[in-house]
Amino acid sequence: MKLRMARSQMRPVMADGRRPMTTVYLIISDAFPSDSTDTADGDGDGIGDNADTDDDNDGTADTNDAFPSAFHRDGRC
C-alpha cells in the first residue's frame, strides 16, 4: 500500500511570533480504517501488516525472514 502524504500549511508559532522552518507531513490514508490495530498492507494481500505472518509475501514467514518487509532477498523494497 502506498500512503499519500499531504504537506500541512499549518506551522507552529513560537513564543516570539516566529514560525520555524519545518515541513510537517500527515498520513491521510489508512488501508484498514475500521481496524484500530492496523493501518498498512505492504504486500497488498488484504491482511494488515500487524496480523500478517509474511509481510512481504515472499513465502518466508517473518520470524524466519532476514528482511521481513522487503520483497527482495537482498533487503531492497
Protein backbone atom coordinates (compact mmCIF):
# COMPACT_ATOMS: atom_id res chain seq x y z
CA MET A 1 0.00 0.00 0.00
CA LYS A 2 1.26 3.43 -0.83
CA LEU A 3 0.45 6.15 1.64
CA ARG A 4 -0.42 9.52 0.25
CA MET A 5 1.26 12.35 2.05
CA ALA A 6 -0.04 15.87 2.32
CA ARG A 7 2.02 18.88 3.24
CA SER A 8 0.44 20.76 6.10
CA GLN A 9 0.12 24.50 5.68
CA MET A 10 -0.15 24.97 9.43
CA ARG A 11 3.14 25.56 11.21
CA PRO A 12 3.52 26.18 14.92
CA VAL A 13 4.18 29.70 16.13
CA MET A 14 6.97 30.14 18.66
CA ALA A 15 6.54 32.37 21.71
CA ASP A 16 8.27 35.31 19.98
CA GLY A 17 5.96 35.06 16.95
CA ARG A 18 8.44 33.46 14.56
CA ARG A 19 7.47 30.37 12.61
CA PRO A 20 10.12 27.63 12.49
CA MET A 21 11.18 26.43 9.05
CA THR A 22 9.81 22.91 9.32
CA THR A 23 7.76 20.77 7.00
CA VAL A 24 5.02 18.66 8.52
CA TYR A 25 3.65 15.62 6.69
CA LEU A 26 0.38 13.98 7.63
CA ILE A 27 -0.71 10.46 6.69
CA ILE A 28 -4.12 10.86 5.09
CA SER A 29 -4.96 7.28 4.16
CA ASP A 30 -5.45 4.08 6.10
CA ALA A 31 -5.77 0.66 4.46
CA PHE A 32 -7.94 -0.52 7.37
CA PRO A 33 -9.97 2.43 8.68
CA SER A 34 -12.26 0.19 10.74
CA ASP A 35 -9.35 -1.66 12.40
CA SER A 36 -7.53 0.41 15.00
CA THR A 37 -4.68 -2.14 15.20
CA ASP A 38 -3.61 -1.99 11.55
CA THR A 39 -3.06 0.77 9.00
CA ALA A 40 -0.87 -0.74 6.28
CA ASP A 41 -0.77 -3.72 3.93
CA GLY A 42 2.71 -3.66 2.40
CA ASP A 43 2.24 -6.67 0.13
CA GLY A 44 -1.36 -5.95 -0.89
CA ASP A 45 -2.72 -9.34 0.16
CA GLY A 46 -5.60 -7.90 2.19
CA ILE A 47 -4.04 -8.84 5.55
CA GLY A 48 -2.74 -5.93 7.62
CA ASP A 49 1.00 -5.94 8.33
CA ASN A 50 0.45 -6.31 12.09
CA ALA A 51 -1.56 -9.51 11.59
CA ASP A 52 0.31 -10.81 8.53
CA THR A 53 2.89 -13.54 9.24
CA ASP A 54 4.56 -12.82 5.87
CA ASP A 55 4.51 -9.02 5.39
CA ASP A 56 6.30 -9.05 2.04
CA ASN A 57 4.53 -12.14 0.68
CA ASP A 58 7.79 -13.79 -0.37
CA GLY A 59 6.83 -17.20 1.01
CA THR A 60 9.09 -16.94 4.07
CA ALA A 61 7.48 -16.32 7.45
CA ASP A 62 8.57 -13.03 9.05
CA THR A 63 10.04 -14.94 12.01
CA ASN A 64 12.46 -16.73 9.62
CA ASP A 65 12.97 -13.85 7.18
CA ALA A 66 16.15 -11.74 7.39
CA PHE A 67 14.25 -8.90 5.67
CA PRO A 68 10.57 -9.37 6.66
CA SER A 69 9.32 -6.21 4.92
CA ALA A 70 11.49 -6.39 1.79
CA PHE A 71 10.30 -8.01 -1.42
CA HIS A 72 13.83 -8.92 -2.47
CA ARG A 73 16.15 -11.30 -0.64
CA ASP A 74 18.93 -8.68 -0.53
CA GLY A 75 16.75 -6.33 1.55
CA ARG A 76 15.59 -3.97 -1.22
CA CYS A 77 11.94 -2.94 -1.10
